[in-house]
Amino acid sequence: MTALLRYQADLLLRSQRWLPPVILYAAFLAIGVQSGQPVLDSLGYAAAGLLPVAAWLVRICVTGEPDAARVCVAAARGPARTHLACLLTALLASAALGVVATLVVTLISDPASNGHRIHVPPLRAGAAGLLAALACALLGSAVGALTNRPVLRSTGRAVPAMLLAALLSVVLAGSPAQAAVSGLVSGSQSGRVPVPLLPLAGAALVTAAAFAAACALTARRSP
């Protein structure tokens, strides 16, 4: 699996297809996160924006390899393992992006509650923001896994489904991503730093199930 991950990571970096989602995410943060804003609000904003980026990175990884090369790798390593490597590469890339965004947002934001009335410990806020970002990266990867090949092969169906599922994952009550982000926003109002372990665990379970289903379907549909 390590060799497959290195191979997929090299494909992702060399393709430069990661540039549009990363640049869009950077612009999203530049518009919505300003220096001196309450740290928990800004971290919630950054985490929410990571979810569709994670889904986009999954699409890049599962569709970026030429068909002939993919068939050869699948024949050598197995179609399920090959597809899992694509999904894990995208997840690791989005998690790394979330770590960088969380660090930058924590450093430039005001360690205070909404209204700047209560001091918020920056290290605890950064840790909470990182957990929320990881939850969103996980759930976004799950969305990408269930709305792209092999589940949906047509671009005309996959892209709208991915965008709609990403939006619903952020705003619907009961979603781990929505719970993590709303916890940060609520914490900013009260001055208490949340610990979104439950949303993170829920996102991890959903992602594991989505990855397993996508890999199983890949194995069934492979020649």
C-alpha atoms as a PDB file:
ATOM      1  CA  MET A   1       0.000   0.000   0.000  1.00  0.00           C
ATOM      2  CA  THR A   2       2.903   2.373   0.714  1.00  0.00           C
ATOM      3  CA  ALA A   3       4.149   2.042  -2.850  1.00  0.00           C
ATOM      4  CA  LEU A   4       0.640   2.668  -4.191  1.00  0.00           C
ATOM      5  CA  LEU A   5       0.292   5.777  -2.032  1.00  0.00           C
ATOM      6  CA  ARG A   6       3.634   7.120  -3.271  1.00  0.00           C
ATOM      7  CA  TYR A   7       2.585   6.409  -6.844  1.00  0.00           C
ATOM      8  CA  GLN A   8      -0.779   8.159  -6.446  1.00  0.00           C
ATOM      9  CA  ALA A   9       0.783  11.109  -4.625  1.00  0.00           C
ATOM     10  CA  ASP A  10       3.319  11.507  -7.427  1.00  0.00           C
ATOM     11  CA  LEU A  11       0.525  11.413 -10.003  1.00  0.00           C
ATOM     12  CA  LEU A  12      -1.418  14.045  -8.090  1.00  0.00           C
ATOM     13  CA  LEU A  13       1.531  16.408  -7.714  1.00  0.00           C
ATOM     14  CA  ARG A  14       2.773  16.027 -11.274  1.00  0.00           C
ATOM     15  CA  SER A  15      -0.670  16.512 -12.810  1.00  0.00           C
ATOM     16  CA  GLN A  16      -1.030  19.957 -11.187  1.00  0.00           C
ATOM     17  CA  ARG A  17      -4.793  19.335 -11.175  1.00  0.00           C
ATOM     18  CA  TRP A  18      -4.665  20.037  -7.446  1.00  0.00           C
ATOM     19  CA  LEU A  19      -3.990  23.706  -8.149  1.00  0.00           C
ATOM     20  CA  PRO A  20      -7.612  24.818  -8.878  1.00  0.00           C
ATOM     21  CA  PRO A  21      -9.140  23.471  -5.623  1.00  0.00           C
ATOM     22  CA  VAL A  22      -6.206  24.710  -3.540  1.00  0.00           C
ATOM     23  CA  ILE A  23      -6.276  28.162  -5.128  1.00  0.00           C
ATOM     24  CA  LEU A  24     -10.050  28.343  -4.721  1.00  0.00           C
ATOM     25  CA  TYR A  25      -9.739  27.362  -1.058  1.00  0.00           C
ATOM     26  CA  ALA A  26      -7.037  29.988  -0.516  1.00  0.00           C
ATOM     27  CA  ALA A  27      -9.288  32.620  -2.101  1.00  0.00           C
ATOM     28  CA  PHE A  28     -12.186  31.416   0.062  1.00  0.00           C
ATOM     29  CA  LEU A  29     -10.075  31.924   3.172  1.00  0.00           C
ATOM     30  CA  ALA A  30      -8.706  35.265   1.998  1.00  0.00           C
ATOM     31  CA  ILE A  31     -12.249  36.581   1.534  1.00  0.00           C
ATOM     32  CA  GLY A  32     -13.814  35.153   4.692  1.00  0.00           C
ATOM     33  CA  VAL A  33     -10.978  35.191   7.214  1.00  0.00           C
ATOM     34  CA  GLN A  34      -9.468  38.520   8.206  1.00  0.00           C
ATOM     35  CA  SER A  35      -6.782  39.283  10.748  1.00  0.00           C
ATOM     36  CA  GLY A  36      -8.231  40.096  14.167  1.00  0.00           C
ATOM     37  CA  GLN A  37     -11.490  38.189  13.771  1.00  0.00           C
ATOM     38  CA  PRO A  38     -12.585  35.792  16.570  1.00  0.00           C
ATOM     39  CA  VAL A  39     -10.505  32.658  16.255  1.00  0.00           C
ATOM     40  CA  LEU A  40     -13.256  30.045  16.652  1.00  0.00           C
ATOM     41  CA  ASP A  41     -15.514  31.686  14.063  1.00  0.00           C
ATOM     42  CA  SER A  42     -12.636  31.804  11.588  1.00  0.00           C
ATOM     43  CA  LEU A  43     -11.677  28.201  12.263  1.00  0.00           C
ATOM     44  CA  GLY A  44     -15.262  27.088  11.683  1.00  0.00           C
ATOM     45  CA  TYR A  45     -15.316  28.958   8.378  1.00  0.00           C
ATOM     46  CA  ALA A  46     -12.022  27.368   7.309  1.00  0.00           C
ATOM     47  CA  ALA A  47     -13.199  23.869   8.252  1.00  0.00           C
ATOM     48  CA  ALA A  48     -16.489  24.190   6.366  1.00  0.00           C
ATOM     49  CA  GLY A  49     -14.709  25.318   3.213  1.00  0.00           C
ATOM     50  CA  LEU A  50     -12.424  22.301   3.304  1.00  0.00           C
ATOM     51  CA  LEU A  51     -15.239  19.789   2.764  1.00  0.00           C
ATOM     52  CA  PRO A  52     -15.947  20.469  -0.934  1.00  0.00           C
ATOM     53  CA  VAL A  53     -12.211  20.774  -1.565  1.00  0.00           C
ATOM     54  CA  ALA A  54     -11.705  17.278  -0.146  1.00  0.00           C
ATOM     55  CA  ALA A  55     -14.431  15.916  -2.399  1.00  0.00           C
ATOM     56  CA  TRP A  56     -12.834  17.651  -5.390  1.00  0.00           C
ATOM     57  CA  LEU A  57      -9.421  16.159  -4.567  1.00  0.00           C
ATOM     58  CA  VAL A  58     -10.992  12.703  -4.486  1.00  0.00           C
ATOM     59  CA  ARG A  59     -12.392  13.264  -7.966  1.00  0.00           C
ATOM     60  CA  ILE A  60      -8.969  14.377  -9.174  1.00  0.00           C
ATOM     61  CA  CYS A  61      -7.294  11.273  -7.770  1.00  0.00           C
ATOM     62  CA  VAL A  62      -9.824   8.716  -9.025  1.00  0.00           C
ATOM     63  CA  THR A  63     -10.053  10.192 -12.531  1.00  0.00           C
ATOM     64  CA  GLY A  64      -6.531  11.478 -13.147  1.00  0.00           C
ATOM     65  CA  GLU A  65      -4.821   8.233 -14.103  1.00  0.00           C
ATOM     66  CA  PRO A  66      -4.926   7.064 -17.741  1.00  0.00           C
ATOM     67  CA  ASP A  67      -7.187   4.051 -18.181  1.00  0.00           C
ATOM     68  CA  ALA A  68      -4.385   1.838 -19.509  1.00  0.00           C
ATOM     69  CA  ALA A  69      -2.131   2.649 -16.569  1.00  0.00           C
ATOM     70  CA  ARG A  70      -4.963   2.101 -14.120  1.00  0.00           C
ATOM     71  CA  VAL A  71      -5.717  -1.331 -15.568  1.00  0.00           C
ATOM     72  CA  CYS A  72      -2.051  -2.309 -15.293  1.00  0.00           C
ATOM     73  CA  VAL A  73      -1.780  -1.159 -11.671  1.00  0.00           C
ATOM     74  CA  ALA A  74      -5.067  -2.843 -10.787  1.00  0.00           C
ATOM     75  CA  ALA A  75      -3.868  -6.085 -12.350  1.00  0.00           C
ATOM     76  CA  ALA A  76      -0.651  -5.943 -10.332  1.00  0.00           C
ATOM     77  CA  ARG A  77      -2.047  -4.805  -6.974  1.00  0.00           C
ATOM     78  CA  GLY A  78      -5.754  -5.512  -7.189  1.00  0.00           C
ATOM     79  CA  PRO A  79      -8.548  -3.087  -8.174  1.00  0.00           C
ATOM     80  CA  ALA A  80      -9.800  -2.539  -4.620  1.00  0.00           C
ATOM     81  CA  ARG A  81      -6.343  -1.704  -3.225  1.00  0.00           C
ATOM     82  CA  THR A  82      -5.616   0.543  -6.180  1.00  0.00           C
ATOM     83  CA  HIS A  83      -8.829   2.479  -5.688  1.00  0.00           C
ATOM     84  CA  LEU A  84      -8.264   2.684  -1.934  1.00  0.00           C
ATOM     85  CA  ALA A  85      -4.852   4.220  -2.597  1.00  0.00           C
ATOM     86  CA  CYS A  86      -6.520   6.924  -4.701  1.00  0.00           C
ATOM     87  CA  LEU A  87      -9.006   7.690  -1.936  1.00  0.00           C
ATOM     88  CA  LEU A  88      -6.390   7.733   0.812  1.00  0.00           C
ATOM     89  CA  THR A  89      -4.107   9.985  -1.226  1.00  0.00           C
ATOM     90  CA  ALA A  90      -6.895  12.526  -1.630  1.00  0.00           C
ATOM     91  CA  LEU A  91      -7.782  12.272   2.062  1.00  0.00           C
ATOM     92  CA  LEU A  92      -4.178  12.820   3.140  1.00  0.00           C
ATOM     93  CA  ALA A  93      -3.842  15.790   0.782  1.00  0.00           C
ATOM     94  CA  SER A  94      -6.995  17.442   2.133  1.00  0.00           C
ATOM     95  CA  ALA A  95      -5.929  16.709   5.728  1.00  0.00           C
ATOM     96  CA  ALA A  96      -2.552  18.345   5.078  1.00  0.00           C
ATOM     97  CA  LEU A  97      -4.323  21.349   3.579  1.00  0.00           C
ATOM     98  CA  GLY A  98      -6.545  21.513   6.663  1.00  0.00           C
ATOM     99  CA  VAL A  99      -3.523  21.478   8.973  1.00  0.00           C
ATOM    100  CA  VAL A 100      -1.912  24.385   7.112  1.00  0.00           C
ATOM    101  CA  ALA A 101      -5.157  26.372   7.021  1.00  0.00           C
ATOM    102  CA  THR A 102      -5.807  25.784  10.728  1.00  0.00           C
ATOM    103  CA  LEU A 103      -2.310  26.951  11.652  1.00  0.00           C
ATOM    104  CA  VAL A 104      -2.532  30.109   9.543  1.00  0.00           C
ATOM    105  CA  VAL A 105      -6.041  30.997  10.733  1.00  0.00           C
ATOM    106  CA  THR A 106      -5.105  30.457  14.377  1.00  0.00           C
ATOM    107  CA  LEU A 107      -2.048  32.689  14.063  1.00  0.00           C
ATOM    108  CA  ILE A 108      -3.811  35.624  12.407  1.00  0.00           C
ATOM    109  CA  SER A 109      -7.094  35.508  14.366  1.00  0.00           C
ATOM    110  CA  ASP A 110      -7.913  37.196  17.654  1.00  0.00           C
ATOM    111  CA  PRO A 111      -7.880  34.702  20.577  1.00  0.00           C
ATOM    112  CA  ALA A 112     -11.221  35.958  21.862  1.00  0.00           C
ATOM    113  CA  SER A 113     -14.888  35.123  21.759  1.00  0.00           C
ATOM    114  CA  ASN A 114     -17.437  36.683  19.451  1.00  0.00           C
ATOM    115  CA  GLY A 115     -17.553  40.340  20.426  1.00  0.00           C
ATOM    116  CA  HIS A 116     -13.990  40.119  21.772  1.00  0.00           C
ATOM    117  CA  ARG A 117     -15.218  39.890  25.371  1.00  0.00           C
ATOM    118  CA  ILE A 118     -13.699  36.595  26.583  1.00  0.00           C
ATOM    119  CA  HIS A 119     -10.169  35.334  26.054  1.00  0.00           C
ATOM    120  CA  VAL A 120      -9.918  32.046  24.154  1.00  0.00           C
ATOM    121  CA  PRO A 121      -6.699  30.003  24.566  1.00  0.00           C
ATOM    122  CA  PRO A 122      -5.180  29.902  21.073  1.00  0.00           C
ATOM    123  CA  LEU A 123      -3.648  26.430  21.429  1.00  0.00           C
ATOM    124  CA  ARG A 124      -6.930  24.887  22.530  1.00  0.00           C
ATOM    125  CA  ALA A 125      -8.769  26.782  19.802  1.00  0.00           C
ATOM    126  CA  GLY A 126      -6.288  25.571  17.194  1.00  0.00           C
ATOM    127  CA  ALA A 127      -6.661  21.977  18.384  1.00  0.00           C
ATOM    128  CA  ALA A 128     -10.458  22.223  18.192  1.00  0.00           C
ATOM    129  CA  GLY A 129     -10.224  23.788  14.755  1.00  0.00           C
ATOM    130  CA  LEU A 130      -7.897  21.029  13.590  1.00  0.00           C
ATOM    131  CA  LEU A 131     -10.314  18.326  14.758  1.00  0.00           C
ATOM    132  CA  ALA A 132     -13.163  20.092  12.950  1.00  0.00           C
ATOM    133  CA  ALA A 133     -11.048  20.429   9.801  1.00  0.00           C
ATOM    134  CA  LEU A 134     -10.186  16.728   9.903  1.00  0.00           C
ATOM    135  CA  ALA A 135     -13.876  15.862  10.328  1.00  0.00           C
ATOM    136  CA  CYS A 136     -14.712  17.951   7.259  1.00  0.00           C
ATOM    137  CA  ALA A 137     -11.816  16.448   5.286  1.00  0.00           C
ATOM    138  CA  LEU A 138     -13.048  12.962   6.157  1.00  0.00           C
ATOM    139  CA  LEU A 139     -16.656  13.667   5.262  1.00  0.00           C
ATOM    140  CA  GLY A 140     -15.659  15.458   2.065  1.00  0.00           C
ATOM    141  CA  SER A 141     -13.595  12.427   1.075  1.00  0.00           C
ATOM    142  CA  ALA A 142     -16.616  10.216   1.743  1.00  0.00           C
ATOM    143  CA  VAL A 143     -18.722  12.448  -0.489  1.00  0.00           C
ATOM    144  CA  GLY A 144     -16.114  12.210  -3.223  1.00  0.00           C
ATOM    145  CA  ALA A 145     -15.912   8.436  -2.906  1.00  0.00           C
ATOM    146  CA  LEU A 146     -19.683   8.003  -3.300  1.00  0.00           C
ATOM    147  CA  THR A 147     -20.220  10.492  -6.130  1.00  0.00           C
ATOM    148  CA  ASN A 148     -17.401   9.544  -8.497  1.00  0.00           C
ATOM    149  CA  ARG A 149     -16.144   6.417 -10.225  1.00  0.00           C
ATOM    150  CA  PRO A 150     -16.978   3.598  -9.834  1.00  0.00           C
ATOM    151  CA  VAL A 151     -20.295   4.705  -8.277  1.00  0.00           C
ATOM    152  CA  LEU A 152     -21.036   7.436 -10.824  1.00  0.00           C
ATOM    153  CA  ARG A 153     -19.034   7.247 -14.036  1.00  0.00           C
ATOM    154  CA  SER A 154     -20.679  10.044 -15.997  1.00  0.00           C
ATOM    155  CA  THR A 155     -19.210  13.516 -15.410  1.00  0.00           C
ATOM    156  CA  GLY A 156     -22.622  15.063 -16.002  1.00  0.00           C
ATOM    157  CA  ARG A 157     -24.002  13.103 -13.054  1.00  0.00           C
ATOM    158  CA  ALA A 158     -20.963  12.920 -10.817  1.00  0.00           C
ATOM    159  CA  VAL A 159     -20.102  16.610 -10.564  1.00  0.00           C
ATOM    160  CA  PRO A 160     -23.609  17.927  -9.706  1.00  0.00           C
ATOM    161  CA  ALA A 161     -24.119  15.045  -7.265  1.00  0.00           C
ATOM    162  CA  MET A 162     -20.786  15.775  -5.616  1.00  0.00           C
ATOM    163  CA  LEU A 163     -21.499  19.486  -5.253  1.00  0.00           C
ATOM    164  CA  LEU A 164     -24.995  18.897  -3.872  1.00  0.00           C
ATOM    165  CA  ALA A 165     -23.805  16.237  -1.426  1.00  0.00           C
ATOM    166  CA  ALA A 166     -20.963  18.478  -0.242  1.00  0.00           C
ATOM    167  CA  LEU A 167     -23.359  21.359   0.375  1.00  0.00           C
ATOM    168  CA  LEU A 168     -25.833  19.168   2.250  1.00  0.00           C
ATOM    169  CA  SER A 169     -23.027  17.685   4.342  1.00  0.00           C
ATOM    170  CA  VAL A 170     -22.140  21.171   5.597  1.00  0.00           C
ATOM    171  CA  VAL A 171     -25.627  22.496   6.322  1.00  0.00           C
ATOM    172  CA  LEU A 172     -27.823  19.520   7.273  1.00  0.00           C
ATOM    173  CA  ALA A 173     -28.414  18.922  10.966  1.00  0.00           C
ATOM    174  CA  GLY A 174     -26.984  15.603  12.080  1.00  0.00           C
ATOM    175  CA  SER A 175     -24.025  15.797   9.723  1.00  0.00           C
ATOM    176  CA  PRO A 176     -20.671  15.359  11.520  1.00  0.00           C
ATOM    177  CA  ALA A 177     -19.277  18.320   9.585  1.00  0.00           C
ATOM    178  CA  GLN A 178     -22.230  20.526  10.529  1.00  0.00           C
ATOM    179  CA  ALA A 179     -21.876  19.475  14.176  1.00  0.00           C
ATOM    180  CA  ALA A 180     -18.154  20.256  14.212  1.00  0.00           C
ATOM    181  CA  VAL A 181     -18.545  23.652  12.569  1.00  0.00           C
ATOM    182  CA  SER A 182     -21.578  24.698  14.612  1.00  0.00           C
ATOM    183  CA  GLY A 183     -19.706  23.660  17.758  1.00  0.00           C
ATOM    184  CA  LEU A 184     -16.956  26.138  16.930  1.00  0.00           C
ATOM    185  CA  VAL A 185     -19.462  28.887  16.210  1.00  0.00           C
ATOM    186  CA  SER A 186     -21.338  28.215  19.445  1.00  0.00           C
ATOM    187  CA  GLY A 187     -18.057  28.152  21.334  1.00  0.00           C
ATOM    188  CA  SER A 188     -17.180  31.527  19.919  1.00  0.00           C
ATOM    189  CA  GLN A 189     -20.377  32.963  21.346  1.00  0.00           C
ATOM    190  CA  SER A 190     -19.826  31.530  24.828  1.00  0.00           C
ATOM    191  CA  GLY A 191     -16.038  31.680  24.977  1.00  0.00           C
ATOM    192  CA  ARG A 192     -15.759  27.927  25.596  1.00  0.00           C
ATOM    193  CA  VAL A 193     -13.561  25.896  23.308  1.00  0.00           C
ATOM    194  CA  PRO A 194     -15.389  22.735  22.089  1.00  0.00           C
ATOM    195  CA  VAL A 195     -13.745  19.364  21.659  1.00  0.00           C
ATOM    196  CA  PRO A 196     -15.380  17.905  18.507  1.00  0.00           C
ATOM    197  CA  LEU A 197     -14.300  14.317  19.082  1.00  0.00           C
ATOM    198  CA  LEU A 198     -17.772  12.896  18.480  1.00  0.00           C
ATOM    199  CA  PRO A 199     -18.180  14.593  15.082  1.00  0.00           C
ATOM    200  CA  LEU A 200     -14.686  13.424  14.162  1.00  0.00           C
ATOM    201  CA  ALA A 201     -15.515   9.844  15.133  1.00  0.00           C
ATOM    202  CA  GLY A 202     -18.781   9.993  13.198  1.00  0.00           C
ATOM    203  CA  ALA A 203     -17.017  11.353  10.127  1.00  0.00           C
ATOM    204  CA  ALA A 204     -14.393   8.615  10.379  1.00  0.00           C
ATOM    205  CA  LEU A 205     -17.060   5.901  10.500  1.00  0.00           C
ATOM    206  CA  VAL A 206     -18.946   7.355   7.533  1.00  0.00           C
ATOM    207  CA  THR A 207     -15.731   7.672   5.539  1.00  0.00           C
ATOM    208  CA  ALA A 208     -14.621   4.130   6.324  1.00  0.00           C
ATOM    209  CA  ALA A 209     -17.996   2.802   5.156  1.00  0.00           C
ATOM    210  CA  ALA A 210     -17.917   4.943   1.995  1.00  0.00           C
ATOM    211  CA  PHE A 211     -14.370   3.860   1.138  1.00  0.00           C
ATOM    212  CA  ALA A 212     -15.242   0.203   1.726  1.00  0.00           C
ATOM    213  CA  ALA A 213     -18.325   0.431  -0.488  1.00  0.00           C
ATOM    214  CA  ALA A 214     -16.473   2.213  -3.292  1.00  0.00           C
ATOM    215  CA  CYS A 215     -13.588  -0.267  -3.207  1.00  0.00           C
ATOM    216  CA  ALA A 216     -15.945  -3.245  -3.166  1.00  0.00           C
ATOM    217  CA  LEU A 217     -17.799  -1.867  -6.165  1.00  0.00           C
ATOM    218  CA  THR A 218     -14.509  -1.272  -7.960  1.00  0.00           C
ATOM    219  CA  ALA A 219     -13.562  -4.914  -7.461  1.00  0.00           C
ATOM    220  CA  ARG A 220     -16.942  -6.092  -8.764  1.00  0.00           C
ATOM    221  CA  ARG A 221     -16.883  -3.887 -11.864  1.00  0.00           C
ATOM    222  CA  SER A 222     -13.279  -4.584 -12.796  1.00  0.00           C
ATOM    223  CA  PRO A 223     -12.687  -6.909 -15.744  1.00  0.00           C
END
